């Protein structure tokens, strides 16, 4: 009986570990696949979608009143970004987003008088 218990307990521990890690690192939500789903997500989240032309107009006319935030990872930002944008990496898991909520609030605090565009 002891050899079986010696095998099962570590197996259960490994399975629980993978289960917990998998749960906390799952994506925040299923990514929308159609433009209609993207619009619905924006409406639920309380933010506005803009197109590239509108962004370009904002950059040209109100650059000093605009904060561009690149939410990609640091290495992606270093590889290429919109000039003058700030980098605030946002991992895709819901726990990472929840844990960074305070840091985002602190990051945005000095720019409360600006329009904020996340990309």
PDB file of N, CA and C in Angstrom:
ATOM      1  N   UNK A   1       0.810  -1.192   0.000  1.00  0.00           N
ATOM      2  CA  UNK A   1       0.000   0.000   0.000  1.00  0.00           C
ATOM      3  C   UNK A   1       0.857   1.262   0.000  1.00  0.00           C
ATOM      4  N   UNK A   2       1.991   1.241   0.711  1.00  0.00           N
ATOM      5  CA  UNK A   2       2.839   2.418   0.800  1.00  0.00           C
ATOM      6  C   UNK A   2       3.371   2.863  -0.566  1.00  0.00           C
ATOM      7  N   UNK A   3       3.826   1.961  -1.486  1.00  0.00           N
ATOM      8  CA  UNK A   3       4.296   2.433  -2.783  1.00  0.00           C
ATOM      9  C   UNK A   3       3.196   3.150  -3.584  1.00  0.00           C
ATOM     10  N   UNK A   4       1.951   2.674  -3.475  1.00  0.00           N
ATOM     11  CA  UNK A   4       0.857   3.309  -4.204  1.00  0.00           C
ATOM     12  C   UNK A   4       0.628   4.716  -3.656  1.00  0.00           C
ATOM     13  N   UNK A   5       0.598   4.879  -2.327  1.00  0.00           N
ATOM     14  CA  UNK A   5       0.402   6.185  -1.702  1.00  0.00           C
ATOM     15  C   UNK A   5       1.566   7.118  -2.049  1.00  0.00           C
ATOM     16  N   UNK A   6       2.766   6.591  -2.099  1.00  0.00           N
ATOM     17  CA  UNK A   6       3.931   7.400  -2.446  1.00  0.00           C
ATOM     18  C   UNK A   6       3.842   7.923  -3.878  1.00  0.00           C
ATOM     19  N   UNK A   7       3.137   7.226  -4.725  1.00  0.00           N
ATOM     20  CA  UNK A   7       2.977   7.657  -6.112  1.00  0.00           C
ATOM     21  C   UNK A   7       1.772   8.595  -6.272  1.00  0.00           C
ATOM     22  N   UNK A   8       0.690   8.308  -5.609  1.00  0.00           N
ATOM     23  CA  UNK A   8      -0.547   9.073  -5.783  1.00  0.00           C
ATOM     24  C   UNK A   8      -0.450  10.467  -5.177  1.00  0.00           C
ATOM     25  N   UNK A   9       0.099  10.618  -4.004  1.00  0.00           N
ATOM     26  CA  UNK A   9       0.180  11.938  -3.366  1.00  0.00           C
ATOM     27  C   UNK A   9       0.963  12.956  -4.199  1.00  0.00           C
ATOM     28  N   UNK A  10       2.150  12.616  -4.719  1.00  0.00           N
ATOM     29  CA  UNK A  10       2.838  13.584  -5.578  1.00  0.00           C
ATOM     30  C   UNK A  10       2.053  13.869  -6.861  1.00  0.00           C
ATOM     31  N   UNK A  11       1.389  12.851  -7.408  1.00  0.00           N
ATOM     32  CA  UNK A  11       0.591  13.042  -8.607  1.00  0.00           C
ATOM     33  C   UNK A  11      -0.564  14.019  -8.342  1.00  0.00           C
ATOM     34  N   UNK A  12      -1.235  13.885  -7.221  1.00  0.00           N
ATOM     35  CA  UNK A  12      -2.318  14.799  -6.846  1.00  0.00           C
ATOM     36  C   UNK A  12      -1.762  16.213  -6.652  1.00  0.00           C
ATOM     37  N   UNK A  13      -0.601  16.326  -6.000  1.00  0.00           N
ATOM     38  CA  UNK A  13       0.004  17.648  -5.773  1.00  0.00           C
ATOM     39  C   UNK A  13       0.337  18.334  -7.101  1.00  0.00           C
ATOM     40  N   UNK A  14       0.882  17.591  -8.046  1.00  0.00           N
ATOM     41  CA  UNK A  14       1.217  18.153  -9.359  1.00  0.00           C
ATOM     42  C   UNK A  14      -0.059  18.573 -10.091  1.00  0.00           C
ATOM     43  N   UNK A  15      -1.090  17.735 -10.051  1.00  0.00           N
ATOM     44  CA  UNK A  15      -2.349  18.055 -10.724  1.00  0.00           C
ATOM     45  C   UNK A  15      -2.977  19.311 -10.125  1.00  0.00           C
ATOM     46  N   UNK A  16      -2.982  19.438  -8.810  1.00  0.00           N
ATOM     47  CA  UNK A  16      -3.522  20.644  -8.161  1.00  0.00           C
ATOM     48  C   UNK A  16      -2.726  21.886  -8.538  1.00  0.00           C
ATOM     49  N   UNK A  17      -1.417  21.755  -8.583  1.00  0.00           N
ATOM     50  CA  UNK A  17      -0.571  22.887  -8.952  1.00  0.00           C
ATOM     51  C   UNK A  17      -0.892  23.362 -10.368  1.00  0.00           C
ATOM     52  N   UNK A  18      -0.970  22.430 -11.308  1.00  0.00           N
ATOM     53  CA  UNK A  18      -1.304  22.800 -12.683  1.00  0.00           C
ATOM     54  C   UNK A  18      -2.702  23.411 -12.755  1.00  0.00           C
ATOM     55  N   UNK A  19      -3.630  22.889 -12.007  1.00  0.00           N
ATOM     56  CA  UNK A  19      -4.989  23.425 -12.001  1.00  0.00           C
ATOM     57  C   UNK A  19      -5.042  24.850 -11.489  1.00  0.00           C
ATOM     58  N   UNK A  20      -4.354  25.119 -10.387  1.00  0.00           N
ATOM     59  CA  UNK A  20      -4.348  26.468  -9.816  1.00  0.00           C
ATOM     60  C   UNK A  20      -3.649  27.442 -10.753  1.00  0.00           C
ATOM     61  N   UNK A  21      -2.493  27.077 -11.272  1.00  0.00           N
ATOM     62  CA  UNK A  21      -1.753  27.954 -12.187  1.00  0.00           C
ATOM     63  C   UNK A  21      -2.581  28.200 -13.447  1.00  0.00           C
ATOM     64  N   UNK A  22      -3.188  27.176 -13.992  1.00  0.00           N
ATOM     65  CA  UNK A  22      -4.016  27.332 -15.184  1.00  0.00           C
ATOM     66  C   UNK A  22      -5.205  28.251 -14.944  1.00  0.00           C
ATOM     67  N   UNK A  23      -5.828  28.142 -13.760  1.00  0.00           N
ATOM     68  CA  UNK A  23      -6.971  28.991 -13.438  1.00  0.00           C
ATOM     69  C   UNK A  23      -6.568  30.455 -13.361  1.00  0.00           C
ATOM     70  N   UNK A  24      -5.489  30.764 -12.689  1.00  0.00           N
ATOM     71  CA  UNK A  24      -5.110  32.151 -12.480  1.00  0.00           C
ATOM     72  C   UNK A  24      -4.409  32.786 -13.683  1.00  0.00           C
ATOM     73  N   UNK A  25      -3.963  32.002 -14.636  1.00  0.00           N
ATOM     74  CA  UNK A  25      -3.309  32.567 -15.815  1.00  0.00           C
ATOM     75  C   UNK A  25      -4.162  32.463 -17.067  1.00  0.00           C
ATOM     76  N   UNK A  26      -5.441  32.137 -16.904  1.00  0.00           N
ATOM     77  CA  UNK A  26      -6.310  32.075 -18.082  1.00  0.00           C
ATOM     78  C   UNK A  26      -6.583  33.484 -18.579  1.00  0.00           C
ATOM     79  N   UNK A  27      -6.910  33.626 -19.857  1.00  0.00           N
ATOM     80  CA  UNK A  27      -7.209  34.954 -20.400  1.00  0.00           C
ATOM     81  C   UNK A  27      -8.382  35.602 -19.670  1.00  0.00           C
ATOM     82  N   UNK A  28      -8.383  36.926 -19.636  1.00  0.00           N
ATOM     83  CA  UNK A  28      -9.422  37.665 -18.927  1.00  0.00           C
ATOM     84  C   UNK A  28     -10.801  37.366 -19.511  1.00  0.00           C
ATOM     85  N   UNK A  29     -10.888  37.220 -20.785  1.00  0.00           N
ATOM     86  CA  UNK A  29     -12.149  36.898 -21.431  1.00  0.00           C
ATOM     87  C   UNK A  29     -11.837  36.337 -22.803  1.00  0.00           C
ATOM     88  N   UNK A  30     -12.839  35.795 -23.412  1.00  0.00           N
ATOM     89  CA  UNK A  30     -12.664  35.311 -24.776  1.00  0.00           C
ATOM     90  C   UNK A  30     -12.597  36.542 -25.673  1.00  0.00           C
ATOM     91  N   UNK A  31     -11.602  36.593 -26.506  1.00  0.00           N
ATOM     92  CA  UNK A  31     -11.413  37.741 -27.383  1.00  0.00           C
ATOM     93  C   UNK A  31     -12.566  37.831 -28.376  1.00  0.00           C
ATOM     94  N   UNK A  32     -13.104  39.027 -28.567  1.00  0.00           N
ATOM     95  CA  UNK A  32     -14.161  39.185 -29.557  1.00  0.00           C
ATOM     96  C   UNK A  32     -13.636  38.876 -30.954  1.00  0.00           C
ATOM     97  N   UNK A  33     -14.465  38.253 -31.765  1.00  0.00           N
ATOM     98  CA  UNK A  33     -13.990  37.853 -33.088  1.00  0.00           C
ATOM     99  C   UNK A  33     -14.610  38.662 -34.209  1.00  0.00           C
ATOM    100  N   UNK A  34     -15.689  39.367 -33.948  1.00  0.00           N
ATOM    101  CA  UNK A  34     -16.305  40.194 -34.975  1.00  0.00           C
ATOM    102  C   UNK A  34     -16.321  41.642 -34.511  1.00  0.00           C
ATOM    103  N   UNK A  35     -16.478  42.565 -35.440  1.00  0.00           N
ATOM    104  CA  UNK A  35     -16.524  43.978 -35.077  1.00  0.00           C
ATOM    105  C   UNK A  35     -17.730  44.272 -34.198  1.00  0.00           C
ATOM    106  N   UNK A  36     -18.829  43.571 -34.421  1.00  0.00           N
ATOM    107  CA  UNK A  36     -20.012  43.757 -33.575  1.00  0.00           C
ATOM    108  C   UNK A  36     -19.695  43.382 -32.124  1.00  0.00           C
ATOM    109  N   UNK A  37     -18.936  42.297 -31.922  1.00  0.00           N
ATOM    110  CA  UNK A  37     -18.546  41.890 -30.569  1.00  0.00           C
ATOM    111  C   UNK A  37     -17.587  42.902 -29.950  1.00  0.00           C
ATOM    112  N   UNK A  38     -16.694  43.466 -30.758  1.00  0.00           N
ATOM    113  CA  UNK A  38     -15.774  44.499 -30.268  1.00  0.00           C
ATOM    114  C   UNK A  38     -16.567  45.712 -29.799  1.00  0.00           C
ATOM    115  N   UNK A  39     -17.567  46.127 -30.589  1.00  0.00           N
ATOM    116  CA  UNK A  39     -18.406  47.277 -30.213  1.00  0.00           C
ATOM    117  C   UNK A  39     -19.178  46.995 -28.928  1.00  0.00           C
ATOM    118  N   UNK A  40     -19.716  45.781 -28.794  1.00  0.00           N
ATOM    119  CA  UNK A  40     -20.439  45.406 -27.576  1.00  0.00           C
ATOM    120  C   UNK A  40     -19.516  45.450 -26.360  1.00  0.00           C
ATOM    121  N   UNK A  41     -18.302  44.945 -26.507  1.00  0.00           N
ATOM    122  CA  UNK A  41     -17.329  44.957 -25.411  1.00  0.00           C
ATOM    123  C   UNK A  41     -16.991  46.393 -25.013  1.00  0.00           C
ATOM    124  N   UNK A  42     -16.824  47.270 -25.996  1.00  0.00           N
ATOM    125  CA  UNK A  42     -16.534  48.676 -25.704  1.00  0.00           C
ATOM    126  C   UNK A  42     -17.690  49.319 -24.952  1.00  0.00           C
ATOM    127  N   UNK A  43     -18.906  49.034 -25.369  1.00  0.00           N
ATOM    128  CA  UNK A  43     -20.077  49.603 -24.707  1.00  0.00           C
ATOM    129  C   UNK A  43     -20.173  49.106 -23.263  1.00  0.00           C
ATOM    130  N   UNK A  44     -19.953  47.805 -23.059  1.00  0.00           N
ATOM    131  CA  UNK A  44     -19.980  47.245 -21.696  1.00  0.00           C
ATOM    132  C   UNK A  44     -18.884  47.844 -20.830  1.00  0.00           C
ATOM    133  N   UNK A  45     -17.720  48.102 -21.430  1.00  0.00           N
ATOM    134  CA  UNK A  45     -16.586  48.630 -20.671  1.00  0.00           C
ATOM    135  C   UNK A  45     -16.628  50.134 -20.474  1.00  0.00           C
ATOM    136  N   UNK A  46     -17.535  50.808 -21.169  1.00  0.00           N
ATOM    137  CA  UNK A  46     -17.670  52.247 -21.003  1.00  0.00           C
ATOM    138  C   UNK A  46     -16.581  53.045 -21.722  1.00  0.00           C
ATOM    139  N   UNK A  47     -16.036  52.512 -22.789  1.00  0.00           N
ATOM    140  CA  UNK A  47     -15.037  53.262 -23.540  1.00  0.00           C
ATOM    141  C   UNK A  47     -15.470  53.398 -24.990  1.00  0.00           C
ATOM    142  N   UNK A  48     -14.808  54.299 -25.687  1.00  0.00           N
ATOM    143  CA  UNK A  48     -15.162  54.626 -27.064  1.00  0.00           C
ATOM    144  C   UNK A  48     -14.085  54.084 -28.000  1.00  0.00           C
ATOM    145  N   UNK A  49     -14.510  53.523 -29.094  1.00  0.00           N
ATOM    146  CA  UNK A  49     -13.580  53.065 -30.129  1.00  0.00           C
ATOM    147  C   UNK A  49     -13.373  54.190 -31.128  1.00  0.00           C
ATOM    148  N   UNK A  50     -12.140  54.352 -31.573  1.00  0.00           N
ATOM    149  CA  UNK A  50     -11.865  55.313 -32.631  1.00  0.00           C
ATOM    150  C   UNK A  50     -11.059  54.624 -33.725  1.00  0.00           C
ATOM    151  N   UNK A  51     -11.142  55.166 -34.909  1.00  0.00           N
ATOM    152  CA  UNK A  51     -10.379  54.587 -36.009  1.00  0.00           C
ATOM    153  C   UNK A  51      -9.051  55.336 -36.164  1.00  0.00           C
ATOM    154  N   UNK A  52      -8.229  54.859 -37.056  1.00  0.00           N
ATOM    155  CA  UNK A  52      -6.894  55.420 -37.252  1.00  0.00           C
ATOM    156  C   UNK A  52      -6.960  56.876 -37.700  1.00  0.00           C
ATOM    157  N   UNK A  53      -7.898  57.193 -38.567  1.00  0.00           N
ATOM    158  CA  UNK A  53      -8.017  58.572 -39.046  1.00  0.00           C
ATOM    159  C   UNK A  53      -8.368  59.529 -37.908  1.00  0.00           C
ATOM    160  N   UNK A  54      -9.280  59.105 -37.040  1.00  0.00           N
ATOM    161  CA  UNK A  54      -9.659  59.940 -35.892  1.00  0.00           C
ATOM    162  C   UNK A  54      -8.472  60.103 -34.946  1.00  0.00           C
ATOM    163  N   UNK A  55      -7.733  59.036 -34.728  1.00  0.00           N
ATOM    164  CA  UNK A  55      -6.543  59.125 -33.879  1.00  0.00           C
ATOM    165  C   UNK A  55      -5.537  60.098 -34.480  1.00  0.00           C
ATOM    166  N   UNK A  56      -5.326  60.021 -35.779  1.00  0.00           N
ATOM    167  CA  UNK A  56      -4.380  60.914 -36.436  1.00  0.00           C
ATOM    168  C   UNK A  56      -4.811  62.375 -36.275  1.00  0.00           C
ATOM    169  N   UNK A  57      -6.110  62.636 -36.420  1.00  0.00           N
ATOM    170  CA  UNK A  57      -6.619  63.993 -36.221  1.00  0.00           C
ATOM    171  C   UNK A  57      -6.362  64.474 -34.790  1.00  0.00           C
ATOM    172  N   UNK A  58      -6.594  63.603 -33.820  1.00  0.00           N
ATOM    173  CA  UNK A  58      -6.332  63.963 -32.418  1.00  0.00           C
ATOM    174  C   UNK A  58      -4.865  64.266 -32.183  1.00  0.00           C
ATOM    175  N   UNK A  59      -4.002  63.449 -32.750  1.00  0.00           N
ATOM    176  CA  UNK A  59      -2.561  63.652 -32.584  1.00  0.00           C
ATOM    177  C   UNK A  59      -2.137  64.970 -33.220  1.00  0.00           C
ATOM    178  N   UNK A  60      -2.660  65.271 -34.395  1.00  0.00           N
ATOM    179  CA  UNK A  60      -2.284  66.496 -35.100  1.00  0.00           C
ATOM    180  C   UNK A  60      -2.820  67.757 -34.423  1.00  0.00           C
ATOM    181  N   UNK A  61      -4.034  67.691 -33.890  1.00  0.00           N
ATOM    182  CA  UNK A  61      -4.657  68.908 -33.373  1.00  0.00           C
ATOM    183  C   UNK A  61      -4.504  69.111 -31.867  1.00  0.00           C
ATOM    184  N   UNK A  62      -4.406  68.045 -31.112  1.00  0.00           N
ATOM    185  CA  UNK A  62      -4.401  68.163 -29.649  1.00  0.00           C
ATOM    186  C   UNK A  62      -3.322  67.311 -28.997  1.00  0.00           C
ATOM    187  N   UNK A  63      -2.153  67.231 -29.572  1.00  0.00           N
ATOM    188  CA  UNK A  63      -1.118  66.326 -29.056  1.00  0.00           C
ATOM    189  C   UNK A  63      -0.790  66.584 -27.589  1.00  0.00           C
ATOM    190  N   UNK A  64      -0.819  67.852 -27.163  1.00  0.00           N
ATOM    191  CA  UNK A  64      -0.486  68.169 -25.775  1.00  0.00           C
ATOM    192  C   UNK A  64      -1.604  67.778 -24.809  1.00  0.00           C
ATOM    193  N   UNK A  65      -2.795  67.499 -25.314  1.00  0.00           N
ATOM    194  CA  UNK A  65      -3.932  67.094 -24.476  1.00  0.00           C
ATOM    195  C   UNK A  65      -4.250  65.612 -24.631  1.00  0.00           C
ATOM    196  N   UNK A  66      -3.280  64.854 -25.126  1.00  0.00           N
ATOM    197  CA  UNK A  66      -3.498  63.446 -25.449  1.00  0.00           C
ATOM    198  C   UNK A  66      -2.400  62.586 -24.828  1.00  0.00           C
ATOM    199  N   UNK A  67      -2.792  61.516 -24.183  1.00  0.00           N
ATOM    200  CA  UNK A  67      -1.832  60.532 -23.672  1.00  0.00           C
ATOM    201  C   UNK A  67      -2.068  59.224 -24.403  1.00  0.00           C
ATOM    202  N   UNK A  68      -1.067  58.788 -25.161  1.00  0.00           N
ATOM    203  CA  UNK A  68      -1.131  57.508 -25.861  1.00  0.00           C
ATOM    204  C   UNK A  68      -0.458  56.456 -24.998  1.00  0.00           C
ATOM    205  N   UNK A  69      -1.172  55.367 -24.717  1.00  0.00           N
ATOM    206  CA  UNK A  69      -0.644  54.310 -23.854  1.00  0.00           C
ATOM    207  C   UNK A  69      -0.574  53.014 -24.642  1.00  0.00           C
ATOM    208  N   UNK A  70       0.630  52.529 -24.834  1.00  0.00           N
ATOM    209  CA  UNK A  70       0.893  51.259 -25.502  1.00  0.00           C
ATOM    210  C   UNK A  70       0.800  50.164 -24.447  1.00  0.00           C
ATOM    211  N   UNK A  71      -0.166  49.260 -24.584  1.00  0.00           N
ATOM    212  CA  UNK A  71      -0.378  48.222 -23.572  1.00  0.00           C
ATOM    213  C   UNK A  71       0.353  46.917 -23.887  1.00  0.00           C
ATOM    214  N   UNK A  72       1.175  46.934 -24.928  1.00  0.00           N
ATOM    215  CA  UNK A  72       1.923  45.726 -25.269  1.00  0.00           C
ATOM    216  C   UNK A  72       3.098  45.539 -24.308  1.00  0.00           C
ATOM    217  N   UNK A  73       3.719  44.389 -24.385  1.00  0.00           N
ATOM    218  CA  UNK A  73       4.867  44.110 -23.525  1.00  0.00           C
ATOM    219  C   UNK A  73       6.024  45.053 -23.853  1.00  0.00           C
ATOM    220  N   UNK A  74       6.947  45.221 -22.915  1.00  0.00           N
ATOM    221  CA  UNK A  74       8.053  46.174 -23.082  1.00  0.00           C
ATOM    222  C   UNK A  74       8.869  45.903 -24.343  1.00  0.00           C
ATOM    223  N   UNK A  75       9.151  44.631 -24.635  1.00  0.00           N
ATOM    224  CA  UNK A  75       9.965  44.324 -25.814  1.00  0.00           C
ATOM    225  C   UNK A  75       9.227  44.694 -27.101  1.00  0.00           C
ATOM    226  N   UNK A  76       7.892  44.581 -27.096  1.00  0.00           N
ATOM    227  CA  UNK A  76       7.120  44.971 -28.274  1.00  0.00           C
ATOM    228  C   UNK A  76       7.146  46.491 -28.444  1.00  0.00           C
ATOM    229  N   UNK A  77       7.061  47.211 -27.341  1.00  0.00           N
ATOM    230  CA  UNK A  77       7.120  48.672 -27.373  1.00  0.00           C
ATOM    231  C   UNK A  77       8.483  49.135 -27.903  1.00  0.00           C
ATOM    232  N   UNK A  78       9.540  48.470 -27.413  1.00  0.00           N
ATOM    233  CA  UNK A  78      10.891  48.826 -27.873  1.00  0.00           C
ATOM    234  C   UNK A  78      11.057  48.557 -29.369  1.00  0.00           C
ATOM    235  N   UNK A  79      10.362  47.531 -29.874  1.00  0.00           N
ATOM    236  CA  UNK A  79      10.492  47.165 -31.292  1.00  0.00           C
ATOM    237  C   UNK A  79       9.834  48.183 -32.219  1.00  0.00           C
ATOM    238  N   UNK A  80       8.896  48.953 -31.696  1.00  0.00           N
ATOM    239  CA  UNK A  80       8.226  49.969 -32.508  1.00  0.00           C
ATOM    240  C   UNK A  80       6.959  50.447 -31.833  1.00  0.00           C
ATOM    241  N   UNK A  81       6.780  51.753 -31.798  1.00  0.00           N
ATOM    242  CA  UNK A  81       5.605  52.332 -31.150  1.00  0.00           C
ATOM    243  C   UNK A  81       5.328  53.719 -31.725  1.00  0.00           C
ATOM    244  N   UNK A  82       4.187  54.277 -31.377  1.00  0.00           N
ATOM    245  CA  UNK A  82       3.852  55.632 -31.800  1.00  0.00           C
ATOM    246  C   UNK A  82       4.724  56.588 -31.000  1.00  0.00           C
ATOM    247  N   UNK A  83       5.377  57.516 -31.701  1.00  0.00           N
ATOM    248  CA  UNK A  83       6.257  58.474 -31.021  1.00  0.00           C
ATOM    249  C   UNK A  83       5.512  59.195 -29.901  1.00  0.00           C
ATOM    250  N   UNK A  84       6.157  59.275 -28.753  1.00  0.00           N
ATOM    251  CA  UNK A  84       5.591  59.974 -27.612  1.00  0.00           C
ATOM    252  C   UNK A  84       4.651  59.136 -26.768  1.00  0.00           C
ATOM    253  N   UNK A  85       4.418  57.894 -27.150  1.00  0.00           N
ATOM    254  CA  UNK A  85       3.513  57.058 -26.359  1.00  0.00           C
ATOM    255  C   UNK A  85       4.236  56.541 -25.116  1.00  0.00           C
ATOM    256  N   UNK A  86       3.447  56.277 -24.096  1.00  0.00           N
ATOM    257  CA  UNK A  86       3.965  55.688 -22.861  1.00  0.00           C
ATOM    258  C   UNK A  86       3.656  54.198 -22.887  1.00  0.00           C
ATOM    259  N   UNK A  87       4.503  53.403 -22.261  1.00  0.00           N
ATOM    260  CA  UNK A  87       4.296  51.956 -22.231  1.00  0.00           C
ATOM    261  C   UNK A  87       3.799  51.543 -20.857  1.00  0.00           C
ATOM    262  N   UNK A  88       2.665  50.859 -20.833  1.00  0.00           N
ATOM    263  CA  UNK A  88       2.128  50.251 -19.619  1.00  0.00           C
ATOM    264  C   UNK A  88       1.708  48.839 -19.986  1.00  0.00           C
ATOM    265  N   UNK A  89       2.645  47.875 -19.867  1.00  0.00           N
ATOM    266  CA  UNK A  89       2.336  46.503 -20.275  1.00  0.00           C
ATOM    267  C   UNK A  89       1.158  45.936 -19.484  1.00  0.00           C
ATOM    268  N   UNK A  90       0.211  45.364 -20.196  1.00  0.00           N
ATOM    269  CA  UNK A  90      -0.966  44.779 -19.568  1.00  0.00           C
ATOM    270  C   UNK A  90      -1.077  43.321 -19.981  1.00  0.00           C
ATOM    271  N   UNK A  91      -0.653  42.405 -19.121  1.00  0.00           N
ATOM    272  CA  UNK A  91      -0.760  40.983 -19.445  1.00  0.00           C
ATOM    273  C   UNK A  91      -2.220  40.578 -19.662  1.00  0.00           C
ATOM    274  N   UNK A  92      -2.464  39.550 -20.464  1.00  0.00           N
ATOM    275  CA  UNK A  92      -3.840  39.194 -20.813  1.00  0.00           C
ATOM    276  C   UNK A  92      -4.630  38.465 -19.736  1.00  0.00           C
ATOM    277  N   UNK A  93      -4.020  37.988 -18.673  1.00  0.00           N
ATOM    278  CA  UNK A  93      -4.787  37.248 -17.676  1.00  0.00           C
ATOM    279  C   UNK A  93      -5.539  38.209 -16.760  1.00  0.00           C
ATOM    280  N   UNK A  94      -6.714  37.795 -16.298  1.00  0.00           N
ATOM    281  CA  UNK A  94      -7.546  38.668 -15.462  1.00  0.00           C
ATOM    282  C   UNK A  94      -6.880  38.958 -14.128  1.00  0.00           C
ATOM    283  N   UNK A  95      -6.127  38.001 -13.589  1.00  0.00           N
ATOM    284  CA  UNK A  95      -5.462  38.260 -12.305  1.00  0.00           C
ATOM    285  C   UNK A  95      -4.373  39.323 -12.465  1.00  0.00           C
ATOM    286  N   UNK A  96      -3.659  39.286 -13.572  1.00  0.00           N
ATOM    287  CA  UNK A  96      -2.621  40.288 -13.812  1.00  0.00           C
ATOM    288  C   UNK A  96      -3.234  41.675 -13.939  1.00  0.00           C
ATOM    289  N   UNK A  97      -4.351  41.757 -14.657  1.00  0.00           N
ATOM    290  CA  UNK A  97      -5.031  43.043 -14.790  1.00  0.00           C
ATOM    291  C   UNK A  97      -5.513  43.538 -13.430  1.00  0.00           C
ATOM    292  N   UNK A  98      -6.080  42.664 -12.638  1.00  0.00           N
ATOM    293  CA  UNK A  98      -6.576  43.038 -11.315  1.00  0.00           C
ATOM    294  C   UNK A  98      -5.427  43.502 -10.421  1.00  0.00           C
ATOM    295  N   UNK A  99      -4.307  42.779 -10.461  1.00  0.00           N
ATOM    296  CA  UNK A  99      -3.159  43.141  -9.632  1.00  0.00           C
ATOM    297  C   UNK A  99      -2.527  44.468 -10.052  1.00  0.00           C
ATOM    298  N   UNK A 100      -2.642  44.835 -11.327  1.00  0.00           N
ATOM    299  CA  UNK A 100      -2.024  46.071 -11.826  1.00  0.00           C
ATOM    300  C   UNK A 100      -2.968  47.273 -11.751  1.00  0.00           C
ATOM    301  N   UNK A 101      -4.183  47.076 -11.230  1.00  0.00           N
ATOM    302  CA  UNK A 101      -5.168  48.150 -11.193  1.00  0.00           C
ATOM    303  C   UNK A 101      -4.639  49.377 -10.446  1.00  0.00           C
ATOM    304  N   UNK A 102      -4.013  49.183  -9.296  1.00  0.00           N
ATOM    305  CA  UNK A 102      -3.461  50.297  -8.527  1.00  0.00           C
ATOM    306  C   UNK A 102      -2.313  50.976  -9.251  1.00  0.00           C
ATOM    307  N   UNK A 103      -1.477  50.189  -9.896  1.00  0.00           N
ATOM    308  CA  UNK A 103      -0.350  50.755 -10.639  1.00  0.00           C
ATOM    309  C   UNK A 103      -0.846  51.577 -11.828  1.00  0.00           C
ATOM    310  N   UNK A 104      -1.930  51.136 -12.467  1.00  0.00           N
ATOM    311  CA  UNK A 104      -2.490  51.896 -13.587  1.00  0.00           C
ATOM    312  C   UNK A 104      -3.050  53.227 -13.099  1.00  0.00           C
ATOM    313  N   UNK A 105      -3.730  53.198 -11.979  1.00  0.00           N
ATOM    314  CA  UNK A 105      -4.280  54.435 -11.411  1.00  0.00           C
ATOM    315  C   UNK A 105      -3.154  55.429 -11.112  1.00  0.00           C
ATOM    316  N   UNK A 106      -2.069  54.944 -10.542  1.00  0.00           N
ATOM    317  CA  UNK A 106      -0.907  55.795 -10.242  1.00  0.00           C
ATOM    318  C   UNK A 106      -0.245  56.296 -11.528  1.00  0.00           C
ATOM    319  N   UNK A 107      -0.162  55.439 -12.524  1.00  0.00           N
ATOM    320  CA  UNK A 107       0.439  55.777 -13.818  1.00  0.00           C
ATOM    321  C   UNK A 107      -0.342  56.898 -14.511  1.00  0.00           C
ATOM    322  N   UNK A 108      -1.668  56.834 -14.417  1.00  0.00           N
ATOM    323  CA  UNK A 108      -2.519  57.810 -15.104  1.00  0.00           C
ATOM    324  C   UNK A 108      -2.756  59.089 -14.303  1.00  0.00           C
ATOM    325  N   UNK A 109      -2.495  59.083 -13.009  1.00  0.00           N
ATOM    326  CA  UNK A 109      -2.810  60.213 -12.129  1.00  0.00           C
ATOM    327  C   UNK A 109      -2.299  61.567 -12.631  1.00  0.00           C
ATOM    328  N   UNK A 110      -1.047  61.683 -13.088  1.00  0.00           N
ATOM    329  CA  UNK A 110      -0.573  63.003 -13.525  1.00  0.00           C
ATOM    330  C   UNK A 110      -1.216  63.491 -14.819  1.00  0.00           C
ATOM    331  N   UNK A 111      -1.993  62.651 -15.475  1.00  0.00           N
ATOM    332  CA  UNK A 111      -2.544  62.986 -16.792  1.00  0.00           C
ATOM    333  C   UNK A 111      -4.067  63.069 -16.794  1.00  0.00           C
ATOM    334  N   UNK A 112      -4.662  63.431 -15.674  1.00  0.00           N
ATOM    335  CA  UNK A 112      -6.120  63.443 -15.577  1.00  0.00           C
ATOM    336  C   UNK A 112      -6.773  64.491 -16.477  1.00  0.00           C
ATOM    337  N   UNK A 113      -6.022  65.478 -16.907  1.00  0.00           N
ATOM    338  CA  UNK A 113      -6.586  66.518 -17.772  1.00  0.00           C
ATOM    339  C   UNK A 113      -6.457  66.154 -19.254  1.00  0.00           C
ATOM    340  N   UNK A 114      -5.962  64.967 -19.550  1.00  0.00           N
ATOM    341  CA  UNK A 114      -5.747  64.557 -20.936  1.00  0.00           C
ATOM    342  C   UNK A 114      -6.740  63.490 -21.365  1.00  0.00           C
ATOM    343  N   UNK A 115      -6.949  63.408 -22.666  1.00  0.00           N
ATOM    344  CA  UNK A 115      -7.692  62.280 -23.236  1.00  0.00           C
ATOM    345  C   UNK A 115      -6.703  61.123 -23.316  1.00  0.00           C
ATOM    346  N   UNK A 116      -7.139  59.944 -22.924  1.00  0.00           N
ATOM    347  CA  UNK A 116      -6.244  58.786 -22.878  1.00  0.00           C
ATOM    348  C   UNK A 116      -6.671  57.794 -23.958  1.00  0.00           C
ATOM    349  N   UNK A 117      -5.700  57.394 -24.767  1.00  0.00           N
ATOM    350  CA  UNK A 117      -5.933  56.429 -25.834  1.00  0.00           C
ATOM    351  C   UNK A 117      -5.063  55.217 -25.553  1.00  0.00           C
ATOM    352  N   UNK A 118      -5.679  54.069 -25.356  1.00  0.00           N
ATOM    353  CA  UNK A 118      -4.953  52.820 -25.161  1.00  0.00           C
ATOM    354  C   UNK A 118      -4.894  52.084 -26.492  1.00  0.00           C
ATOM    355  N   UNK A 119      -3.714  51.543 -26.786  1.00  0.00           N
ATOM    356  CA  UNK A 119      -3.596  50.700 -27.979  1.00  0.00           C
ATOM    357  C   UNK A 119      -2.675  49.545 -27.700  1.00  0.00           C
TER     358      UNK A 119
END
